Amino acid sequence: MSNTSPDPANQPTPPPAYPAPSAPAGGYAPAAGQPTGKEKGPARLGIIAFAASLAGAVIGSIIAFIAGMQFGGLVAYTDSSGNFSGAVPPEAEQIAVTSVVLAVVAFVVWGALALWGFIQGIIAAVKNRGRVWGIVAIVLAVIGVGAVSMFYGIGAAAGAAPYLA
């Protein structure tokens, strides 16, 4: 036996310190540079969803308030028991039509913008691209109908107030 160490060129290579990446259960691994779903993306998607939901609630509420004011103004054409006395004048008919059209517009505006914010908020939350903003957008889109309805009622009360004793 000799005390000399063997030639390092003839020694087998040791295994790597960590195993090589293997393909996931789906059968493919993401290419380099592709998101794996764990990274956090830019929050712009969630912020846009929030802005759409907020715009729907605010714009819809403003239009609903104006519609309620128009509707409340019809109290001027009623008698003390709250019934229309005699024939309804053309001004009252015009006020009623305007109120209904504005109320429909208020809910359509809210519905369109809230639907946009709701869907984009879900996508933002799932893709982690502004998750918190996306969740807030979803909640705001859902409760926005309450705000629009409430402002319609407040507008109706404000429109009727000058005619009530």
N, C-alpha and C. Protein backbone atom coordinates (compact mmCIF):
# COMPACT_ATOMS: atom_id res chain seq x y z
N MET A 1 0.81 -1.17 0.00
CA MET A 1 0.00 0.00 0.00
C MET A 1 0.86 1.24 0.00
N SER A 2 0.39 2.14 -0.74
CA SER A 2 1.16 3.38 -0.81
C SER A 2 0.38 4.49 -0.14
N ASN A 3 1.11 5.44 0.35
CA ASN A 3 0.48 6.58 1.02
C ASN A 3 0.22 7.73 0.06
N THR A 4 0.42 7.54 -1.17
CA THR A 4 0.16 8.61 -2.12
C THR A 4 -1.32 8.65 -2.47
N SER A 5 -1.83 9.82 -2.67
CA SER A 5 -3.25 9.95 -3.00
C SER A 5 -3.47 9.62 -4.48
N PRO A 6 -4.59 9.07 -4.80
CA PRO A 6 -4.86 8.70 -6.19
C PRO A 6 -4.98 9.95 -7.06
N ASP A 7 -4.84 9.76 -8.32
CA ASP A 7 -4.91 10.85 -9.29
C ASP A 7 -6.34 11.42 -9.30
N PRO A 8 -6.55 12.77 -9.09
CA PRO A 8 -7.91 13.34 -9.07
C PRO A 8 -8.61 13.25 -10.42
N ALA A 9 -7.90 13.14 -11.49
CA ALA A 9 -8.54 13.05 -12.79
C ALA A 9 -9.25 11.72 -12.98
N ASN A 10 -8.83 10.69 -12.24
CA ASN A 10 -9.44 9.37 -12.38
C ASN A 10 -10.58 9.15 -11.39
N GLN A 11 -10.87 10.11 -10.53
CA GLN A 11 -11.91 9.96 -9.52
C GLN A 11 -13.29 10.26 -10.14
N PRO A 12 -14.34 9.55 -9.73
CA PRO A 12 -15.70 9.87 -10.23
C PRO A 12 -16.15 11.22 -9.69
N THR A 13 -17.01 11.91 -10.47
CA THR A 13 -17.51 13.22 -10.03
C THR A 13 -18.57 13.02 -8.96
N PRO A 14 -18.54 13.84 -7.94
CA PRO A 14 -19.54 13.69 -6.87
C PRO A 14 -20.90 14.18 -7.36
N PRO A 15 -21.98 13.69 -6.77
CA PRO A 15 -23.31 14.16 -7.17
C PRO A 15 -23.49 15.62 -6.77
N PRO A 16 -24.39 16.35 -7.45
CA PRO A 16 -24.58 17.76 -7.10
C PRO A 16 -25.16 17.89 -5.70
N ALA A 17 -24.96 19.04 -5.08
CA ALA A 17 -25.41 19.28 -3.72
C ALA A 17 -26.94 19.38 -3.65
N TYR A 18 -27.58 19.69 -4.75
CA TYR A 18 -29.04 19.80 -4.77
C TYR A 18 -29.54 19.08 -6.02
N PRO A 19 -30.77 18.54 -5.95
CA PRO A 19 -31.26 17.80 -7.12
C PRO A 19 -31.63 18.76 -8.25
N ALA A 20 -31.59 18.26 -9.45
CA ALA A 20 -31.97 19.04 -10.63
C ALA A 20 -33.47 19.27 -10.60
N PRO A 21 -33.94 20.43 -11.12
CA PRO A 21 -35.38 20.67 -11.11
C PRO A 21 -36.09 19.65 -11.98
N SER A 22 -37.21 19.19 -11.46
CA SER A 22 -38.00 18.22 -12.21
C SER A 22 -39.29 18.87 -12.66
N ALA A 23 -39.94 18.27 -13.61
CA ALA A 23 -41.19 18.81 -14.14
C ALA A 23 -42.29 18.62 -13.10
N PRO A 24 -43.23 19.59 -12.98
CA PRO A 24 -44.34 19.43 -12.05
C PRO A 24 -45.30 18.35 -12.54
N ALA A 25 -46.34 18.12 -11.75
CA ALA A 25 -47.29 17.05 -12.05
C ALA A 25 -47.96 17.24 -13.41
N GLY A 26 -48.07 18.49 -13.88
CA GLY A 26 -48.70 18.75 -15.16
C GLY A 26 -47.86 18.29 -16.33
N GLY A 27 -46.58 18.02 -16.12
CA GLY A 27 -45.75 17.49 -17.17
C GLY A 27 -44.84 18.51 -17.81
N TYR A 28 -44.88 19.76 -17.40
CA TYR A 28 -43.99 20.75 -17.99
C TYR A 28 -43.57 21.72 -16.90
N ALA A 29 -42.42 22.27 -17.07
CA ALA A 29 -41.93 23.28 -16.14
C ALA A 29 -41.98 24.63 -16.85
N PRO A 30 -42.27 25.70 -16.10
CA PRO A 30 -42.30 27.02 -16.75
C PRO A 30 -40.91 27.39 -17.25
N ALA A 31 -40.87 28.04 -18.38
CA ALA A 31 -39.60 28.47 -18.94
C ALA A 31 -39.02 29.59 -18.09
N ALA A 32 -37.76 29.81 -18.24
CA ALA A 32 -37.10 30.86 -17.48
C ALA A 32 -37.72 32.21 -17.83
N GLY A 33 -38.04 32.97 -16.82
CA GLY A 33 -38.62 34.29 -17.03
C GLY A 33 -40.14 34.30 -17.02
N GLN A 34 -40.77 33.13 -17.07
CA GLN A 34 -42.24 33.09 -17.02
C GLN A 34 -42.68 33.09 -15.57
N PRO A 35 -43.80 33.78 -15.27
CA PRO A 35 -44.27 33.79 -13.89
C PRO A 35 -44.80 32.41 -13.49
N THR A 36 -44.53 32.04 -12.27
CA THR A 36 -44.99 30.75 -11.77
C THR A 36 -46.25 30.88 -10.94
N GLY A 37 -46.76 32.08 -10.78
CA GLY A 37 -47.97 32.28 -9.98
C GLY A 37 -47.65 32.70 -8.56
N LYS A 38 -46.41 32.59 -8.16
CA LYS A 38 -46.02 32.95 -6.82
C LYS A 38 -45.55 34.40 -6.73
N GLU A 39 -45.10 34.95 -7.85
CA GLU A 39 -44.60 36.31 -7.83
C GLU A 39 -45.75 37.31 -7.77
N LYS A 40 -45.45 38.45 -7.23
CA LYS A 40 -46.44 39.51 -7.15
C LYS A 40 -46.26 40.43 -8.34
N GLY A 41 -47.32 40.63 -9.10
CA GLY A 41 -47.26 41.48 -10.28
C GLY A 41 -47.56 42.92 -9.92
N PRO A 42 -47.55 43.81 -10.90
CA PRO A 42 -47.88 45.21 -10.64
C PRO A 42 -49.34 45.34 -10.21
N ALA A 43 -49.60 46.28 -9.33
CA ALA A 43 -50.93 46.45 -8.75
C ALA A 43 -51.89 47.22 -9.66
N ARG A 44 -51.45 47.56 -10.86
CA ARG A 44 -52.27 48.40 -11.74
C ARG A 44 -53.62 47.77 -12.05
N LEU A 45 -53.69 46.46 -12.23
CA LEU A 45 -54.96 45.80 -12.57
C LEU A 45 -55.98 45.97 -11.45
N GLY A 46 -55.54 45.80 -10.21
CA GLY A 46 -56.44 45.97 -9.07
C GLY A 46 -56.85 47.41 -8.86
N ILE A 47 -55.94 48.33 -9.12
CA ILE A 47 -56.25 49.75 -8.95
C ILE A 47 -57.27 50.19 -9.98
N ILE A 48 -57.14 49.72 -11.20
CA ILE A 48 -58.12 50.07 -12.24
C ILE A 48 -59.49 49.48 -11.89
N ALA A 49 -59.51 48.26 -11.37
CA ALA A 49 -60.77 47.64 -10.96
C ALA A 49 -61.42 48.46 -9.85
N PHE A 50 -60.61 48.90 -8.89
CA PHE A 50 -61.14 49.72 -7.80
C PHE A 50 -61.70 51.03 -8.33
N ALA A 51 -60.96 51.66 -9.25
CA ALA A 51 -61.41 52.93 -9.82
C ALA A 51 -62.73 52.76 -10.57
N ALA A 52 -62.88 51.66 -11.30
CA ALA A 52 -64.13 51.42 -12.03
C ALA A 52 -65.29 51.22 -11.06
N SER A 53 -65.08 50.44 -10.01
CA SER A 53 -66.15 50.21 -9.03
C SER A 53 -66.51 51.50 -8.30
N LEU A 54 -65.50 52.27 -7.94
CA LEU A 54 -65.75 53.52 -7.24
C LEU A 54 -66.48 54.51 -8.15
N ALA A 55 -66.05 54.60 -9.40
CA ALA A 55 -66.72 55.50 -10.35
C ALA A 55 -68.17 55.09 -10.54
N GLY A 56 -68.44 53.80 -10.63
CA GLY A 56 -69.81 53.34 -10.77
C GLY A 56 -70.67 53.74 -9.58
N ALA A 57 -70.14 53.56 -8.38
CA ALA A 57 -70.91 53.91 -7.19
C ALA A 57 -71.12 55.43 -7.08
N VAL A 58 -70.08 56.21 -7.36
CA VAL A 58 -70.19 57.66 -7.20
C VAL A 58 -71.06 58.27 -8.29
N ILE A 59 -70.78 57.94 -9.55
CA ILE A 59 -71.56 58.53 -10.65
C ILE A 59 -73.01 58.06 -10.58
N GLY A 60 -73.22 56.79 -10.31
CA GLY A 60 -74.59 56.28 -10.17
C GLY A 60 -75.33 56.95 -9.03
N SER A 61 -74.65 57.20 -7.91
CA SER A 61 -75.29 57.85 -6.77
C SER A 61 -75.65 59.29 -7.07
N ILE A 62 -74.79 59.99 -7.78
CA ILE A 62 -75.09 61.38 -8.14
C ILE A 62 -76.31 61.45 -9.06
N ILE A 63 -76.34 60.60 -10.06
CA ILE A 63 -77.48 60.60 -10.98
C ILE A 63 -78.75 60.16 -10.25
N ALA A 64 -78.63 59.18 -9.35
CA ALA A 64 -79.80 58.72 -8.58
C ALA A 64 -80.31 59.83 -7.67
N PHE A 65 -79.42 60.61 -7.08
CA PHE A 65 -79.85 61.72 -6.23
C PHE A 65 -80.66 62.73 -7.04
N ILE A 66 -80.18 63.04 -8.24
CA ILE A 66 -80.90 63.99 -9.10
C ILE A 66 -82.26 63.41 -9.50
N ALA A 67 -82.30 62.11 -9.80
CA ALA A 67 -83.58 61.47 -10.14
C ALA A 67 -84.53 61.50 -8.95
N GLY A 68 -84.00 61.28 -7.76
CA GLY A 68 -84.84 61.35 -6.56
C GLY A 68 -85.37 62.75 -6.31
N MET A 69 -84.55 63.75 -6.58
CA MET A 69 -85.00 65.14 -6.43
C MET A 69 -86.17 65.42 -7.38
N GLN A 70 -86.05 64.92 -8.61
CA GLN A 70 -87.13 65.10 -9.58
C GLN A 70 -88.40 64.40 -9.09
N PHE A 71 -88.24 63.19 -8.61
CA PHE A 71 -89.38 62.42 -8.14
C PHE A 71 -90.03 63.09 -6.92
N GLY A 72 -89.21 63.60 -6.01
CA GLY A 72 -89.74 64.28 -4.82
C GLY A 72 -90.50 65.54 -5.18
N GLY A 73 -90.14 66.16 -6.30
CA GLY A 73 -90.83 67.37 -6.73
C GLY A 73 -92.28 67.12 -7.14
N LEU A 74 -92.64 65.87 -7.35
CA LEU A 74 -94.03 65.55 -7.70
C LEU A 74 -94.99 65.78 -6.54
N VAL A 75 -94.46 65.92 -5.34
CA VAL A 75 -95.31 66.17 -4.17
C VAL A 75 -96.05 67.50 -4.33
N ALA A 76 -95.51 68.41 -5.07
CA ALA A 76 -96.16 69.71 -5.29
C ALA A 76 -97.49 69.57 -6.00
N TYR A 77 -97.71 68.48 -6.69
CA TYR A 77 -98.94 68.28 -7.46
C TYR A 77 -99.95 67.38 -6.74
N THR A 78 -99.73 67.10 -5.48
CA THR A 78 -100.66 66.25 -4.73
C THR A 78 -101.44 67.10 -3.73
N ASP A 79 -102.56 66.54 -3.28
CA ASP A 79 -103.34 67.23 -2.26
C ASP A 79 -102.84 66.80 -0.88
N SER A 80 -103.54 67.19 0.16
CA SER A 80 -103.08 66.92 1.53
C SER A 80 -103.08 65.44 1.87
N SER A 81 -103.85 64.63 1.16
CA SER A 81 -103.87 63.18 1.46
C SER A 81 -102.82 62.42 0.65
N GLY A 82 -102.08 63.11 -0.22
CA GLY A 82 -101.02 62.46 -0.99
C GLY A 82 -101.48 61.96 -2.35
N ASN A 83 -102.74 62.24 -2.71
CA ASN A 83 -103.25 61.82 -4.01
C ASN A 83 -103.19 62.99 -4.99
N PHE A 84 -103.08 62.67 -6.27
CA PHE A 84 -103.13 63.72 -7.28
C PHE A 84 -104.55 64.25 -7.35
N SER A 85 -104.69 65.54 -7.30
CA SER A 85 -106.02 66.14 -7.33
C SER A 85 -106.39 66.47 -8.78
N GLY A 86 -107.42 65.82 -9.29
CA GLY A 86 -107.87 66.09 -10.64
C GLY A 86 -106.91 65.54 -11.68
N ALA A 87 -106.87 66.22 -12.81
CA ALA A 87 -106.02 65.79 -13.92
C ALA A 87 -104.56 66.15 -13.61
N VAL A 88 -103.69 65.28 -14.03
CA VAL A 88 -102.26 65.52 -13.82
C VAL A 88 -101.78 66.51 -14.88
N PRO A 89 -101.17 67.60 -14.47
CA PRO A 89 -100.71 68.58 -15.46
C PRO A 89 -99.53 68.03 -16.27
N PRO A 90 -99.32 68.56 -17.45
CA PRO A 90 -98.22 68.07 -18.29
C PRO A 90 -96.84 68.24 -17.63
N GLU A 91 -96.71 69.27 -16.77
CA GLU A 91 -95.42 69.46 -16.09
C GLU A 91 -95.11 68.28 -15.17
N ALA A 92 -96.14 67.78 -14.49
CA ALA A 92 -95.95 66.65 -13.59
C ALA A 92 -95.59 65.39 -14.37
N GLU A 93 -96.23 65.21 -15.52
CA GLU A 93 -95.89 64.06 -16.35
C GLU A 93 -94.45 64.13 -16.82
N GLN A 94 -94.01 65.32 -17.20
CA GLN A 94 -92.63 65.49 -17.65
C GLN A 94 -91.65 65.23 -16.52
N ILE A 95 -91.99 65.69 -15.32
CA ILE A 95 -91.12 65.45 -14.16
C ILE A 95 -91.04 63.95 -13.88
N ALA A 96 -92.17 63.26 -13.96
CA ALA A 96 -92.18 61.82 -13.70
C ALA A 96 -91.35 61.06 -14.73
N VAL A 97 -91.48 61.43 -16.00
CA VAL A 97 -90.70 60.77 -17.05
C VAL A 97 -89.20 61.02 -16.84
N THR A 98 -88.86 62.27 -16.54
CA THR A 98 -87.45 62.60 -16.32
C THR A 98 -86.88 61.82 -15.14
N SER A 99 -87.67 61.71 -14.09
CA SER A 99 -87.23 60.97 -12.90
C SER A 99 -86.98 59.50 -13.22
N VAL A 100 -87.88 58.90 -13.97
CA VAL A 100 -87.72 57.48 -14.30
C VAL A 100 -86.52 57.27 -15.22
N VAL A 101 -86.37 58.12 -16.21
CA VAL A 101 -85.23 57.98 -17.12
C VAL A 101 -83.91 58.15 -16.37
N LEU A 102 -83.84 59.14 -15.50
CA LEU A 102 -82.61 59.35 -14.73
C LEU A 102 -82.33 58.19 -13.78
N ALA A 103 -83.38 57.63 -13.19
CA ALA A 103 -83.18 56.48 -12.29
C ALA A 103 -82.64 55.28 -13.07
N VAL A 104 -83.18 55.04 -14.25
CA VAL A 104 -82.69 53.93 -15.08
C VAL A 104 -81.23 54.17 -15.48
N VAL A 105 -80.93 55.40 -15.87
CA VAL A 105 -79.55 55.73 -16.26
C VAL A 105 -78.62 55.53 -15.07
N ALA A 106 -79.04 55.94 -13.88
CA ALA A 106 -78.20 55.78 -12.69
C ALA A 106 -77.85 54.32 -12.45
N PHE A 107 -78.84 53.44 -12.54
CA PHE A 107 -78.57 52.04 -12.28
C PHE A 107 -77.83 51.36 -13.43
N VAL A 108 -78.02 51.82 -14.64
CA VAL A 108 -77.26 51.26 -15.77
C VAL A 108 -75.79 51.67 -15.67
N VAL A 109 -75.55 52.93 -15.34
CA VAL A 109 -74.17 53.39 -15.18
C VAL A 109 -73.50 52.62 -14.05
N TRP A 110 -74.18 52.53 -12.91
CA TRP A 110 -73.61 51.76 -11.80
C TRP A 110 -73.37 50.32 -12.22
N GLY A 111 -74.36 49.70 -12.88
CA GLY A 111 -74.23 48.29 -13.25
C GLY A 111 -73.09 48.02 -14.20
N ALA A 112 -72.93 48.88 -15.19
CA ALA A 112 -71.85 48.66 -16.17
C ALA A 112 -70.48 48.82 -15.53
N LEU A 113 -70.28 49.90 -14.78
CA LEU A 113 -68.98 50.13 -14.17
C LEU A 113 -68.71 49.14 -13.03
N ALA A 114 -69.75 48.78 -12.28
CA ALA A 114 -69.56 47.82 -11.20
C ALA A 114 -69.25 46.43 -11.75
N LEU A 115 -69.88 46.06 -12.85
CA LEU A 115 -69.58 44.76 -13.46
C LEU A 115 -68.14 44.72 -13.94
N TRP A 116 -67.69 45.79 -14.57
CA TRP A 116 -66.30 45.89 -15.02
C TRP A 116 -65.36 45.76 -13.82
N GLY A 117 -65.61 46.55 -12.77
CA GLY A 117 -64.76 46.49 -11.57
C GLY A 117 -64.81 45.15 -10.88
N PHE A 118 -65.98 44.52 -10.87
CA PHE A 118 -66.15 43.21 -10.23
C PHE A 118 -65.32 42.15 -10.94
N ILE A 119 -65.47 42.07 -12.26
CA ILE A 119 -64.75 41.04 -13.02
C ILE A 119 -63.24 41.31 -12.98
N GLN A 120 -62.84 42.55 -13.20
CA GLN A 120 -61.42 42.85 -13.18
C GLN A 120 -60.85 42.70 -11.78
N GLY A 121 -61.64 42.95 -10.75
CA GLY A 121 -61.20 42.74 -9.38
C GLY A 121 -60.95 41.27 -9.08
N ILE A 122 -61.80 40.41 -9.61
CA ILE A 122 -61.59 38.97 -9.44
C ILE A 122 -60.29 38.55 -10.12
N ILE A 123 -60.08 39.03 -11.33
CA ILE A 123 -58.86 38.68 -12.06
C ILE A 123 -57.64 39.20 -11.31
N ALA A 124 -57.70 40.43 -10.80
CA ALA A 124 -56.57 40.99 -10.07
C ALA A 124 -56.28 40.20 -8.80
N ALA A 125 -57.33 39.77 -8.11
CA ALA A 125 -57.12 39.01 -6.88
C ALA A 125 -56.55 37.63 -7.17
N VAL A 126 -57.01 36.99 -8.22
CA VAL A 126 -56.53 35.65 -8.54
C VAL A 126 -55.09 35.69 -9.04
N LYS A 127 -54.78 36.66 -9.88
CA LYS A 127 -53.44 36.75 -10.46
C LYS A 127 -52.44 37.48 -9.57
N ASN A 128 -52.88 37.94 -8.41
CA ASN A 128 -52.04 38.65 -7.46
C ASN A 128 -51.43 39.90 -8.10
N ARG A 129 -52.21 40.61 -8.84
CA ARG A 129 -51.79 41.86 -9.47
C ARG A 129 -52.62 42.99 -8.88
N GLY A 130 -52.37 43.28 -7.62
CA GLY A 130 -53.15 44.27 -6.89
C GLY A 130 -54.28 43.56 -6.16
N ARG A 131 -53.94 42.52 -5.43
CA ARG A 131 -54.95 41.68 -4.78
C ARG A 131 -55.84 42.47 -3.84
N VAL A 132 -55.26 43.30 -2.99
CA VAL A 132 -56.05 44.07 -2.02
C VAL A 132 -56.98 45.04 -2.75
N TRP A 133 -56.46 45.74 -3.76
CA TRP A 133 -57.29 46.64 -4.54
C TRP A 133 -58.41 45.86 -5.22
N GLY A 134 -58.11 44.69 -5.73
CA GLY A 134 -59.12 43.86 -6.40
C GLY A 134 -60.22 43.44 -5.45
N ILE A 135 -59.85 43.04 -4.24
CA ILE A 135 -60.86 42.62 -3.26
C ILE A 135 -61.73 43.81 -2.86
N VAL A 136 -61.11 44.96 -2.66
CA VAL A 136 -61.90 46.17 -2.33
C VAL A 136 -62.82 46.52 -3.49
N ALA A 137 -62.36 46.35 -4.72
CA ALA A 137 -63.19 46.62 -5.89
C ALA A 137 -64.39 45.69 -5.94
N ILE A 138 -64.19 44.42 -5.60
CA ILE A 138 -65.29 43.46 -5.58
C ILE A 138 -66.34 43.87 -4.55
N VAL A 139 -65.88 44.19 -3.35
CA VAL A 139 -66.81 44.58 -2.28
C VAL A 139 -67.55 45.86 -2.67
N LEU A 140 -66.83 46.83 -3.20
CA LEU A 140 -67.45 48.10 -3.59
C LEU A 140 -68.46 47.91 -4.72
N ALA A 141 -68.15 47.02 -5.65
CA ALA A 141 -69.08 46.76 -6.75
C ALA A 141 -70.37 46.13 -6.23
N VAL A 142 -70.25 45.29 -5.22
CA VAL A 142 -71.44 44.60 -4.69
C VAL A 142 -72.29 45.54 -3.84
N ILE A 143 -71.66 46.33 -2.99
CA ILE A 143 -72.46 47.20 -2.11
C ILE A 143 -72.82 48.52 -2.77
N GLY A 144 -72.34 48.77 -3.97
CA GLY A 144 -72.65 50.01 -4.68
C GLY A 144 -74.13 50.18 -4.95
N VAL A 145 -74.84 49.09 -5.16
CA VAL A 145 -76.28 49.19 -5.43
C VAL A 145 -77.00 49.76 -4.21
N GLY A 146 -76.52 49.45 -3.03
CA GLY A 146 -77.11 50.03 -1.82
C GLY A 146 -76.89 51.53 -1.75
N ALA A 147 -75.70 51.97 -2.14
CA ALA A 147 -75.41 53.40 -2.14
C ALA A 147 -76.27 54.13 -3.16
N VAL A 148 -76.41 53.56 -4.35
CA VAL A 148 -77.21 54.21 -5.39
C VAL A 148 -78.67 54.28 -4.95
N SER A 149 -79.19 53.22 -4.39
CA SER A 149 -80.58 53.21 -3.91
C SER A 149 -80.78 54.20 -2.77
N MET A 150 -79.81 54.25 -1.86
CA MET A 150 -79.92 55.16 -0.72
C MET A 150 -79.92 56.62 -1.20
N PHE A 151 -79.06 56.95 -2.16
CA PHE A 151 -79.04 58.32 -2.65
C PHE A 151 -80.31 58.66 -3.44
N TYR A 152 -80.93 57.68 -4.06
CA TYR A 152 -82.22 57.94 -4.71
C TYR A 152 -83.25 58.33 -3.66
N GLY A 153 -83.28 57.59 -2.56
CA GLY A 153 -84.22 57.90 -1.48
C GLY A 153 -83.94 59.24 -0.82
N ILE A 154 -82.67 59.54 -0.60
CA ILE A 154 -82.30 60.83 -0.01
C ILE A 154 -82.71 61.97 -0.95
N GLY A 155 -82.50 61.77 -2.24
CA GLY A 155 -82.89 62.79 -3.21
C GLY A 155 -84.40 62.99 -3.23
N ALA A 156 -85.15 61.90 -3.13
CA ALA A 156 -86.62 62.02 -3.11
C ALA A 156 -87.08 62.78 -1.87
N ALA A 157 -86.45 62.50 -0.74
CA ALA A 157 -86.83 63.23 0.47
C ALA A 157 -86.45 64.71 0.36
N ALA A 158 -85.29 64.98 -0.20
CA ALA A 158 -84.86 66.37 -0.35
C ALA A 158 -85.74 67.11 -1.36
N GLY A 159 -86.20 66.42 -2.39
CA GLY A 159 -87.06 67.07 -3.38
C GLY A 159 -88.45 67.33 -2.85
N ALA A 160 -88.91 66.48 -1.94
CA ALA A 160 -90.26 66.64 -1.38
C ALA A 160 -90.29 67.58 -0.19
N ALA A 161 -89.17 67.80 0.44
CA ALA A 161 -89.13 68.58 1.68
C ALA A 161 -89.72 69.98 1.59
N PRO A 162 -89.49 70.75 0.51
CA PRO A 162 -90.06 72.10 0.48
C PRO A 162 -91.60 72.10 0.41
N TYR A 163 -92.20 71.02 0.01
CA TYR A 163 -93.65 70.99 -0.18
C TYR A 163 -94.38 70.36 1.00
N LEU A 164 -93.65 69.83 1.95
CA LEU A 164 -94.27 69.19 3.12
C LEU A 164 -94.30 70.19 4.26
N ALA A 165 -95.39 70.15 5.00
CA ALA A 165 -95.52 71.09 6.11
C ALA A 165 -95.23 70.46 7.42
